[in-house]
mmCIF file of all heavy atoms, coordinates in Angstrom:
data_MODEL
# 
_entry.id   MODEL 
# 
loop_
_atom_site.group_PDB 
_atom_site.id 
_atom_site.type_symbol 
_atom_site.label_atom_id 
_atom_site.label_alt_id 
_atom_site.label_comp_id 
_atom_site.label_asym_id 
_atom_site.label_entity_id 
_atom_site.label_seq_id 
_atom_site.pdbx_PDB_ins_code 
_atom_site.Cartn_x 
_atom_site.Cartn_y 
_atom_site.Cartn_z 
_atom_site.occupancy 
_atom_site.B_iso_or_equiv 
_atom_site.pdbx_formal_charge 
_atom_site.auth_seq_id 
_atom_site.auth_comp_id 
_atom_site.auth_asym_id 
_atom_site.auth_atom_id 
_atom_site.pdbx_PDB_model_num 
ATOM 1   N N   . GLN A 1 1  ? -10.454 18.565  -4.012  1.00 0.00 ? 1  GLN A N   1 
ATOM 2   C CA  . GLN A 1 1  ? -11.229 17.325  -3.942  1.00 0.00 ? 1  GLN A CA  1 
ATOM 3   C C   . GLN A 1 1  ? -10.527 16.218  -4.717  1.00 0.00 ? 1  GLN A C   1 
ATOM 4   O O   . GLN A 1 1  ? -10.417 15.084  -4.244  1.00 0.00 ? 1  GLN A O   1 
ATOM 5   C CB  . GLN A 1 1  ? -12.641 17.544  -4.500  1.00 0.00 ? 1  GLN A CB  1 
ATOM 6   C CG  . GLN A 1 1  ? -13.465 18.503  -3.676  1.00 0.00 ? 1  GLN A CG  1 
ATOM 7   C CD  . GLN A 1 1  ? -14.720 18.943  -4.405  1.00 0.00 ? 1  GLN A CD  1 
ATOM 8   O OE1 . GLN A 1 1  ? -14.738 19.055  -5.633  1.00 0.00 ? 1  GLN A OE1 1 
ATOM 9   N NE2 . GLN A 1 1  ? -15.768 19.208  -3.648  1.00 0.00 ? 1  GLN A NE2 1 
ATOM 10  N N   . LEU A 1 2  ? -10.056 16.547  -5.913  1.00 0.00 ? 2  LEU A N   1 
ATOM 11  C CA  . LEU A 1 2  ? -9.346  15.570  -6.724  1.00 0.00 ? 2  LEU A CA  1 
ATOM 12  C C   . LEU A 1 2  ? -8.067  15.105  -6.036  1.00 0.00 ? 2  LEU A C   1 
ATOM 13  O O   . LEU A 1 2  ? -7.760  13.910  -6.003  1.00 0.00 ? 2  LEU A O   1 
ATOM 14  C CB  . LEU A 1 2  ? -9.021  16.142  -8.104  1.00 0.00 ? 2  LEU A CB  1 
ATOM 15  C CG  . LEU A 1 2  ? -8.259  15.226  -9.055  1.00 0.00 ? 2  LEU A CG  1 
ATOM 16  C CD1 . LEU A 1 2  ? -9.053  13.951  -9.338  1.00 0.00 ? 2  LEU A CD1 1 
ATOM 17  C CD2 . LEU A 1 2  ? -7.922  15.955  -10.345 1.00 0.00 ? 2  LEU A CD2 1 
ATOM 18  N N   . ILE A 1 3  ? -7.340  16.027  -5.447  1.00 0.00 ? 3  ILE A N   1 
ATOM 19  C CA  . ILE A 1 3  ? -6.116  15.679  -4.727  1.00 0.00 ? 3  ILE A CA  1 
ATOM 20  C C   . ILE A 1 3  ? -6.447  14.749  -3.561  1.00 0.00 ? 3  ILE A C   1 
ATOM 21  O O   . ILE A 1 3  ? -5.725  13.782  -3.298  1.00 0.00 ? 3  ILE A O   1 
ATOM 22  C CB  . ILE A 1 3  ? -5.379  16.955  -4.252  1.00 0.00 ? 3  ILE A CB  1 
ATOM 23  C CG1 . ILE A 1 3  ? -4.788  17.679  -5.465  1.00 0.00 ? 3  ILE A CG1 1 
ATOM 24  C CG2 . ILE A 1 3  ? -4.288  16.626  -3.237  1.00 0.00 ? 3  ILE A CG2 1 
ATOM 25  C CD1 . ILE A 1 3  ? -4.275  19.076  -5.168  1.00 0.00 ? 3  ILE A CD1 1 
ATOM 26  N N   . GLY A 1 4  ? -7.558  15.008  -2.877  1.00 0.00 ? 4  GLY A N   1 
ATOM 27  C CA  . GLY A 1 4  ? -7.981  14.129  -1.783  1.00 0.00 ? 4  GLY A CA  1 
ATOM 28  C C   . GLY A 1 4  ? -8.212  12.708  -2.246  1.00 0.00 ? 4  GLY A C   1 
ATOM 29  O O   . GLY A 1 4  ? -7.771  11.745  -1.608  1.00 0.00 ? 4  GLY A O   1 
ATOM 30  N N   . VAL A 1 5  ? -8.892  12.551  -3.384  1.00 0.00 ? 5  VAL A N   1 
ATOM 31  C CA  . VAL A 1 5  ? -9.120  11.215  -3.936  1.00 0.00 ? 5  VAL A CA  1 
ATOM 32  C C   . VAL A 1 5  ? -7.796  10.567  -4.332  1.00 0.00 ? 5  VAL A C   1 
ATOM 33  O O   . VAL A 1 5  ? -7.554  9.386   -4.055  1.00 0.00 ? 5  VAL A O   1 
ATOM 34  C CB  . VAL A 1 5  ? -10.095 11.264  -5.140  1.00 0.00 ? 5  VAL A CB  1 
ATOM 35  C CG1 . VAL A 1 5  ? -10.190 9.912   -5.829  1.00 0.00 ? 5  VAL A CG1 1 
ATOM 36  C CG2 . VAL A 1 5  ? -11.478 11.729  -4.694  1.00 0.00 ? 5  VAL A CG2 1 
ATOM 37  N N   . LEU A 1 6  ? -6.916  11.331  -4.954  1.00 0.00 ? 6  LEU A N   1 
ATOM 38  C CA  . LEU A 1 6  ? -5.620  10.789  -5.371  1.00 0.00 ? 6  LEU A CA  1 
ATOM 39  C C   . LEU A 1 6  ? -4.754  10.391  -4.173  1.00 0.00 ? 6  LEU A C   1 
ATOM 40  O O   . LEU A 1 6  ? -4.012  9.398   -4.233  1.00 0.00 ? 6  LEU A O   1 
ATOM 41  C CB  . LEU A 1 6  ? -4.892  11.780  -6.270  1.00 0.00 ? 6  LEU A CB  1 
ATOM 42  C CG  . LEU A 1 6  ? -5.550  12.033  -7.630  1.00 0.00 ? 6  LEU A CG  1 
ATOM 43  C CD1 . LEU A 1 6  ? -4.798  13.114  -8.394  1.00 0.00 ? 6  LEU A CD1 1 
ATOM 44  C CD2 . LEU A 1 6  ? -5.659  10.755  -8.444  1.00 0.00 ? 6  LEU A CD2 1 
ATOM 45  N N   . ILE A 1 7  ? -4.863  11.117  -3.079  1.00 0.00 ? 7  ILE A N   1 
ATOM 46  C CA  . ILE A 1 7  ? -4.129  10.746  -1.864  1.00 0.00 ? 7  ILE A CA  1 
ATOM 47  C C   . ILE A 1 7  ? -4.642  9.412   -1.334  1.00 0.00 ? 7  ILE A C   1 
ATOM 48  O O   . ILE A 1 7  ? -3.863  8.556   -0.896  1.00 0.00 ? 7  ILE A O   1 
ATOM 49  C CB  . ILE A 1 7  ? -4.231  11.860  -0.794  1.00 0.00 ? 7  ILE A CB  1 
ATOM 50  C CG1 . ILE A 1 7  ? -3.376  13.047  -1.217  1.00 0.00 ? 7  ILE A CG1 1 
ATOM 51  C CG2 . ILE A 1 7  ? -3.819  11.345  0.587   1.00 0.00 ? 7  ILE A CG2 1 
ATOM 52  C CD1 . ILE A 1 7  ? -3.557  14.280  -0.354  1.00 0.00 ? 7  ILE A CD1 1 
ATOM 53  N N   . ILE A 1 8  ? -5.941  9.211   -1.386  1.00 0.00 ? 8  ILE A N   1 
ATOM 54  C CA  . ILE A 1 8  ? -6.510  7.930   -0.951  1.00 0.00 ? 8  ILE A CA  1 
ATOM 55  C C   . ILE A 1 8  ? -6.016  6.802   -1.849  1.00 0.00 ? 8  ILE A C   1 
ATOM 56  O O   . ILE A 1 8  ? -5.643  5.722   -1.375  1.00 0.00 ? 8  ILE A O   1 
ATOM 57  C CB  . ILE A 1 8  ? -8.047  7.996   -0.927  1.00 0.00 ? 8  ILE A CB  1 
ATOM 58  C CG1 . ILE A 1 8  ? -8.500  8.959   0.173   1.00 0.00 ? 8  ILE A CG1 1 
ATOM 59  C CG2 . ILE A 1 8  ? -8.648  6.616   -0.697  1.00 0.00 ? 8  ILE A CG2 1 
ATOM 60  C CD1 . ILE A 1 8  ? -9.966  9.282   0.154   1.00 0.00 ? 8  ILE A CD1 1 
ATOM 61  N N   . VAL A 1 9  ? -5.973  7.034   -3.162  1.00 0.00 ? 9  VAL A N   1 
ATOM 62  C CA  . VAL A 1 9  ? -5.442  6.035   -4.096  1.00 0.00 ? 9  VAL A CA  1 
ATOM 63  C C   . VAL A 1 9  ? -3.986  5.726   -3.745  1.00 0.00 ? 9  VAL A C   1 
ATOM 64  O O   . VAL A 1 9  ? -3.570  4.566   -3.709  1.00 0.00 ? 9  VAL A O   1 
ATOM 65  C CB  . VAL A 1 9  ? -5.578  6.507   -5.562  1.00 0.00 ? 9  VAL A CB  1 
ATOM 66  C CG1 . VAL A 1 9  ? -4.818  5.594   -6.508  1.00 0.00 ? 9  VAL A CG1 1 
ATOM 67  C CG2 . VAL A 1 9  ? -7.045  6.589   -5.958  1.00 0.00 ? 9  VAL A CG2 1 
ATOM 68  N N   . GLY A 1 10 ? -3.213  6.779   -3.447  1.00 0.00 ? 10 GLY A N   1 
ATOM 69  C CA  . GLY A 1 10 ? -1.825  6.571   -3.029  1.00 0.00 ? 10 GLY A CA  1 
ATOM 70  C C   . GLY A 1 10 ? -1.742  5.743   -1.760  1.00 0.00 ? 10 GLY A C   1 
ATOM 71  O O   . GLY A 1 10 ? -0.868  4.877   -1.621  1.00 0.00 ? 10 GLY A O   1 
ATOM 72  N N   . GLY A 1 11 ? -2.640  5.981   -0.839  1.00 0.00 ? 11 GLY A N   1 
ATOM 73  C CA  . GLY A 1 11 ? -2.678  5.199   0.395   1.00 0.00 ? 11 GLY A CA  1 
ATOM 74  C C   . GLY A 1 11 ? -2.950  3.733   0.135   1.00 0.00 ? 11 GLY A C   1 
ATOM 75  O O   . GLY A 1 11 ? -2.357  2.846   0.771   1.00 0.00 ? 11 GLY A O   1 
ATOM 76  N N   . ILE A 1 12 ? -3.835  3.456   -0.806  1.00 0.00 ? 12 ILE A N   1 
ATOM 77  C CA  . ILE A 1 12 ? -4.130  2.060   -1.166  1.00 0.00 ? 12 ILE A CA  1 
ATOM 78  C C   . ILE A 1 12 ? -2.882  1.410   -1.747  1.00 0.00 ? 12 ILE A C   1 
ATOM 79  O O   . ILE A 1 12 ? -2.549  0.265   -1.422  1.00 0.00 ? 12 ILE A O   1 
ATOM 80  C CB  . ILE A 1 12 ? -5.307  1.986   -2.160  1.00 0.00 ? 12 ILE A CB  1 
ATOM 81  C CG1 . ILE A 1 12 ? -6.598  2.422   -1.469  1.00 0.00 ? 12 ILE A CG1 1 
ATOM 82  C CG2 . ILE A 1 12 ? -5.450  0.582   -2.733  1.00 0.00 ? 12 ILE A CG2 1 
ATOM 83  C CD1 . ILE A 1 12 ? -7.757  2.621   -2.405  1.00 0.00 ? 12 ILE A CD1 1 
ATOM 84  N N   . LEU A 1 13 ? -2.181  2.137   -2.608  1.00 0.00 ? 13 LEU A N   1 
ATOM 85  C CA  . LEU A 1 13 ? -0.958  1.588   -3.205  1.00 0.00 ? 13 LEU A CA  1 
ATOM 86  C C   . LEU A 1 13 ? 0.102   1.320   -2.134  1.00 0.00 ? 13 LEU A C   1 
ATOM 87  O O   . LEU A 1 13 ? 0.764   0.275   -2.154  1.00 0.00 ? 13 LEU A O   1 
ATOM 88  C CB  . LEU A 1 13 ? -0.424  2.533   -4.281  1.00 0.00 ? 13 LEU A CB  1 
ATOM 89  C CG  . LEU A 1 13 ? -1.297  2.654   -5.528  1.00 0.00 ? 13 LEU A CG  1 
ATOM 90  C CD1 . LEU A 1 13 ? -0.758  3.738   -6.455  1.00 0.00 ? 13 LEU A CD1 1 
ATOM 91  C CD2 . LEU A 1 13 ? -1.405  1.325   -6.254  1.00 0.00 ? 13 LEU A CD2 1 
ATOM 92  N N   . VAL A 1 14 ? 0.246   2.238   -1.197  1.00 0.00 ? 14 VAL A N   1 
ATOM 93  C CA  . VAL A 1 14 ? 1.198   2.027   -0.105  1.00 0.00 ? 14 VAL A CA  1 
ATOM 94  C C   . VAL A 1 14 ? 0.780   0.819   0.718   1.00 0.00 ? 14 VAL A C   1 
ATOM 95  O O   . VAL A 1 14 ? 1.601   -0.025  1.085   1.00 0.00 ? 14 VAL A O   1 
ATOM 96  C CB  . VAL A 1 14 ? 1.306   3.288   0.785   1.00 0.00 ? 14 VAL A CB  1 
ATOM 97  C CG1 . VAL A 1 14 ? 2.046   2.996   2.078   1.00 0.00 ? 14 VAL A CG1 1 
ATOM 98  C CG2 . VAL A 1 14 ? 1.979   4.414   0.025   1.00 0.00 ? 14 VAL A CG2 1 
ATOM 99  N N   . PHE A 1 15 ? -0.508  0.706   0.992   1.00 0.00 ? 15 PHE A N   1 
ATOM 100 C CA  . PHE A 1 15 ? -1.020  -0.423  1.761   1.00 0.00 ? 15 PHE A CA  1 
ATOM 101 C C   . PHE A 1 15 ? -0.725  -1.740  1.058   1.00 0.00 ? 15 PHE A C   1 
ATOM 102 O O   . PHE A 1 15 ? -0.246  -2.698  1.660   1.00 0.00 ? 15 PHE A O   1 
ATOM 103 C CB  . PHE A 1 15 ? -2.534  -0.264  1.969   1.00 0.00 ? 15 PHE A CB  1 
ATOM 104 C CG  . PHE A 1 15 ? -3.186  -1.476  2.563   1.00 0.00 ? 15 PHE A CG  1 
ATOM 105 C CD1 . PHE A 1 15 ? -3.128  -1.704  3.923   1.00 0.00 ? 15 PHE A CD1 1 
ATOM 106 C CD2 . PHE A 1 15 ? -3.858  -2.390  1.754   1.00 0.00 ? 15 PHE A CD2 1 
ATOM 107 C CE1 . PHE A 1 15 ? -3.717  -2.820  4.475   1.00 0.00 ? 15 PHE A CE1 1 
ATOM 108 C CE2 . PHE A 1 15 ? -4.449  -3.508  2.304   1.00 0.00 ? 15 PHE A CE2 1 
ATOM 109 C CZ  . PHE A 1 15 ? -4.384  -3.726  3.656   1.00 0.00 ? 15 PHE A CZ  1 
ATOM 110 N N   . LYS A 1 16 ? -1.005  -1.787  -0.224  1.00 0.00 ? 16 LYS A N   1 
ATOM 111 C CA  . LYS A 1 16 ? -0.860  -3.042  -0.969  1.00 0.00 ? 16 LYS A CA  1 
ATOM 112 C C   . LYS A 1 16 ? 0.597   -3.354  -1.290  1.00 0.00 ? 16 LYS A C   1 
ATOM 113 O O   . LYS A 1 16 ? 1.030   -4.490  -1.168  1.00 0.00 ? 16 LYS A O   1 
ATOM 114 C CB  . LYS A 1 16 ? -1.690  -2.991  -2.258  1.00 0.00 ? 16 LYS A CB  1 
ATOM 115 C CG  . LYS A 1 16 ? -1.686  -4.287  -3.030  1.00 0.00 ? 16 LYS A CG  1 
ATOM 116 C CD  . LYS A 1 16 ? -2.292  -5.421  -2.227  1.00 0.00 ? 16 LYS A CD  1 
ATOM 117 C CE  . LYS A 1 16 ? -2.309  -6.699  -3.015  1.00 0.00 ? 16 LYS A CE  1 
ATOM 118 N NZ  . LYS A 1 16 ? -2.678  -7.847  -2.230  1.00 0.00 ? 16 LYS A NZ  1 
ATOM 119 N N   . LEU A 1 17 ? 1.348   -2.382  -1.721  1.00 0.00 ? 17 LEU A N   1 
ATOM 120 C CA  . LEU A 1 17 ? 2.707   -2.633  -2.185  1.00 0.00 ? 17 LEU A CA  1 
ATOM 121 C C   . LEU A 1 17 ? 3.764   -2.433  -1.099  1.00 0.00 ? 17 LEU A C   1 
ATOM 122 O O   . LEU A 1 17 ? 4.856   -2.990  -1.189  1.00 0.00 ? 17 LEU A O   1 
ATOM 123 C CB  . LEU A 1 17 ? 3.025   -1.719  -3.370  1.00 0.00 ? 17 LEU A CB  1 
ATOM 124 C CG  . LEU A 1 17 ? 2.065   -1.835  -4.555  1.00 0.00 ? 17 LEU A CG  1 
ATOM 125 C CD1 . LEU A 1 17 ? 2.402   -0.795  -5.606  1.00 0.00 ? 17 LEU A CD1 1 
ATOM 126 C CD2 . LEU A 1 17 ? 2.077   -3.233  -5.141  1.00 0.00 ? 17 LEU A CD2 1 
ATOM 127 N N   . GLY A 1 18 ? 3.456   -1.641  -0.091  1.00 0.00 ? 18 GLY A N   1 
ATOM 128 C CA  . GLY A 1 18 ? 4.453   -1.295  0.912   1.00 0.00 ? 18 GLY A CA  1 
ATOM 129 C C   . GLY A 1 18 ? 4.730   -2.364  1.944   1.00 0.00 ? 18 GLY A C   1 
ATOM 130 O O   . GLY A 1 18 ? 5.762   -2.350  2.591   1.00 0.00 ? 18 GLY A O   1 
ATOM 131 N N   . GLY A 1 19 ? 3.829   -3.323  2.118   1.00 0.00 ? 19 GLY A N   1 
ATOM 132 C CA  . GLY A 1 19 ? 4.009   -4.318  3.171   1.00 0.00 ? 19 GLY A CA  1 
ATOM 133 C C   . GLY A 1 19 ? 4.705   -5.574  2.727   1.00 0.00 ? 19 GLY A C   1 
ATOM 134 O O   . GLY A 1 19 ? 4.867   -6.506  3.497   1.00 0.00 ? 19 GLY A O   1 
ATOM 135 N N   . LYS A 1 20 ? 5.152   -5.653  1.478   1.00 0.00 ? 20 LYS A N   1 
ATOM 136 C CA  . LYS A 1 20 ? 5.783   -6.866  0.983   1.00 0.00 ? 20 LYS A CA  1 
ATOM 137 C C   . LYS A 1 20 ? 7.207   -6.955  1.498   1.00 0.00 ? 20 LYS A C   1 
ATOM 138 O O   . LYS A 1 20 ? 7.934   -5.986  1.546   1.00 0.00 ? 20 LYS A O   1 
ATOM 139 C CB  . LYS A 1 20 ? 5.791   -6.887  -0.541  1.00 0.00 ? 20 LYS A CB  1 
ATOM 140 C CG  . LYS A 1 20 ? 4.409   -7.034  -1.121  1.00 0.00 ? 20 LYS A CG  1 
ATOM 141 C CD  . LYS A 1 20 ? 4.469   -7.173  -2.617  1.00 0.00 ? 20 LYS A CD  1 
ATOM 142 C CE  . LYS A 1 20 ? 3.054   -7.357  -3.150  1.00 0.00 ? 20 LYS A CE  1 
ATOM 143 N NZ  . LYS A 1 20 ? 3.029   -7.558  -4.560  1.00 0.00 ? 20 LYS A NZ  1 
ATOM 144 N N   . SER A 1 21 ? 7.589   -8.167  1.873   1.00 0.00 ? 21 SER A N   1 
ATOM 145 C CA  . SER A 1 21 ? 8.966   -8.392  2.293   1.00 0.00 ? 21 SER A CA  1 
ATOM 146 C C   . SER A 1 21 ? 9.421   -9.726  1.726   1.00 0.00 ? 21 SER A C   1 
ATOM 147 O O   . SER A 1 21 ? 8.623   -10.569 1.350   1.00 0.00 ? 21 SER A O   1 
ATOM 148 C CB  . SER A 1 21 ? 9.076   -8.388  3.813   1.00 0.00 ? 21 SER A CB  1 
ATOM 149 O OG  . SER A 1 21 ? 8.431   -9.521  4.350   1.00 0.00 ? 21 SER A OG  1 
ATOM 150 N N   . ASP A 1 22 ? 10.722  -9.905  1.677   1.00 0.00 ? 22 ASP A N   1 
ATOM 151 C CA  . ASP A 1 22 ? 11.268  -11.148 1.147   1.00 0.00 ? 22 ASP A CA  1 
ATOM 152 C C   . ASP A 1 22 ? 11.395  -12.218 2.219   1.00 0.00 ? 22 ASP A C   1 
ATOM 153 O O   . ASP A 1 22 ? 11.743  -13.351 1.923   1.00 0.00 ? 22 ASP A O   1 
ATOM 154 C CB  . ASP A 1 22 ? 12.649  -10.894 0.526   1.00 0.00 ? 22 ASP A CB  1 
ATOM 155 C CG  . ASP A 1 22 ? 12.535  -10.047 -0.737  1.00 0.00 ? 22 ASP A CG  1 
ATOM 156 O OD1 . ASP A 1 22 ? 11.463  -10.087 -1.369  1.00 0.00 ? 22 ASP A OD1 1 
ATOM 157 O OD2 . ASP A 1 22 ? 13.509  -9.347  -1.070  1.00 0.00 ? 22 ASP A OD2 1 
ATOM 158 N N   . ALA A 1 23 ? 11.128  -11.868 3.476   1.00 0.00 ? 23 ALA A N   1 
ATOM 159 C CA  . ALA A 1 23 ? 11.238  -12.845 4.553   1.00 0.00 ? 23 ALA A CA  1 
ATOM 160 C C   . ALA A 1 23 ? 10.147  -13.891 4.405   1.00 0.00 ? 23 ALA A C   1 
ATOM 161 O O   . ALA A 1 23 ? 8.996   -13.575 4.134   1.00 0.00 ? 23 ALA A O   1 
ATOM 162 C CB  . ALA A 1 23 ? 11.121  -12.143 5.898   1.00 0.00 ? 23 ALA A CB  1 
ATOM 163 N N   . LYS A 1 24 ? 10.508  -15.138 4.576   1.00 0.00 ? 24 LYS A N   1 
ATOM 164 C CA  . LYS A 1 24 ? 9.537   -16.221 4.483   1.00 0.00 ? 24 LYS A CA  1 
ATOM 165 C C   . LYS A 1 24 ? 8.919   -16.447 5.841   1.00 0.00 ? 24 LYS A C   1 
ATOM 166 O O   . LYS A 1 24 ? 9.614   -16.463 6.850   1.00 0.00 ? 24 LYS A O   1 
ATOM 167 C CB  . LYS A 1 24 ? 10.204  -17.487 3.976   1.00 0.00 ? 24 LYS A CB  1 
ATOM 168 C CG  . LYS A 1 24 ? 10.736  -17.300 2.574   1.00 0.00 ? 24 LYS A CG  1 
ATOM 169 C CD  . LYS A 1 24 ? 11.051  -18.629 1.964   1.00 0.00 ? 24 LYS A CD  1 
ATOM 170 C CE  . LYS A 1 24 ? 11.651  -18.359 0.603   1.00 0.00 ? 24 LYS A CE  1 
ATOM 171 N NZ  . LYS A 1 24 ? 11.115  -19.148 -0.412  1.00 0.00 ? 24 LYS A NZ  1 
ATOM 172 N N   . GLU A 1 25 ? 7.620   -16.639 5.852   1.00 0.00 ? 25 GLU A N   1 
ATOM 173 C CA  . GLU A 1 25 ? 6.916   -16.873 7.097   1.00 0.00 ? 25 GLU A CA  1 
ATOM 174 C C   . GLU A 1 25 ? 6.863   -18.360 7.370   1.00 0.00 ? 25 GLU A C   1 
ATOM 175 O O   . GLU A 1 25 ? 6.694   -19.162 6.459   1.00 0.00 ? 25 GLU A O   1 
ATOM 176 C CB  . GLU A 1 25 ? 5.492   -16.325 6.997   1.00 0.00 ? 25 GLU A CB  1 
ATOM 177 C CG  . GLU A 1 25 ? 5.455   -14.827 6.784   1.00 0.00 ? 25 GLU A CG  1 
ATOM 178 C CD  . GLU A 1 25 ? 4.035   -14.316 6.587   1.00 0.00 ? 25 GLU A CD  1 
ATOM 179 O OE1 . GLU A 1 25 ? 3.086   -15.077 6.837   1.00 0.00 ? 25 GLU A OE1 1 
ATOM 180 O OE2 . GLU A 1 25 ? 3.894   -13.167 6.166   1.00 0.00 ? 25 GLU A OE2 1 
ATOM 181 N N   . PRO A 1 26 ? 6.958   -18.756 8.645   1.00 0.00 ? 26 PRO A N   1 
ATOM 182 C CA  . PRO A 1 26 ? 6.853   -20.177 8.962   1.00 0.00 ? 26 PRO A CA  1 
ATOM 183 C C   . PRO A 1 26 ? 5.443   -20.690 8.717   1.00 0.00 ? 26 PRO A C   1 
ATOM 184 O O   . PRO A 1 26 ? 4.497   -19.912 8.669   1.00 0.00 ? 26 PRO A O   1 
ATOM 185 C CB  . PRO A 1 26 ? 7.228   -20.247 10.441  1.00 0.00 ? 26 PRO A CB  1 
ATOM 186 C CG  . PRO A 1 26 ? 7.085   -18.863 10.969  1.00 0.00 ? 26 PRO A CG  1 
ATOM 187 C CD  . PRO A 1 26 ? 7.258   -17.936 9.802   1.00 0.00 ? 26 PRO A CD  1 
ATOM 188 N N   . ALA A 1 27 ? 5.332   -22.003 8.551   1.00 0.00 ? 27 ALA A N   1 
ATOM 189 C CA  . ALA A 1 27 ? 4.038   -22.630 8.296   1.00 0.00 ? 27 ALA A CA  1 
ATOM 190 C C   . ALA A 1 27 ? 3.063   -22.303 9.402   1.00 0.00 ? 27 ALA A C   1 
ATOM 191 O O   . ALA A 1 27 ? 3.428   -22.255 10.572  1.00 0.00 ? 27 ALA A O   1 
ATOM 192 C CB  . ALA A 1 27 ? 4.200   -24.142 8.179   1.00 0.00 ? 27 ALA A CB  1 
# 
């Protein structure tokens, strides 16, 4: 159960931190 919760926390971190890129988006 604890591992399941920690996997979800890991998923949130991947979601938040994994999508960042240095490419600039147009206006």
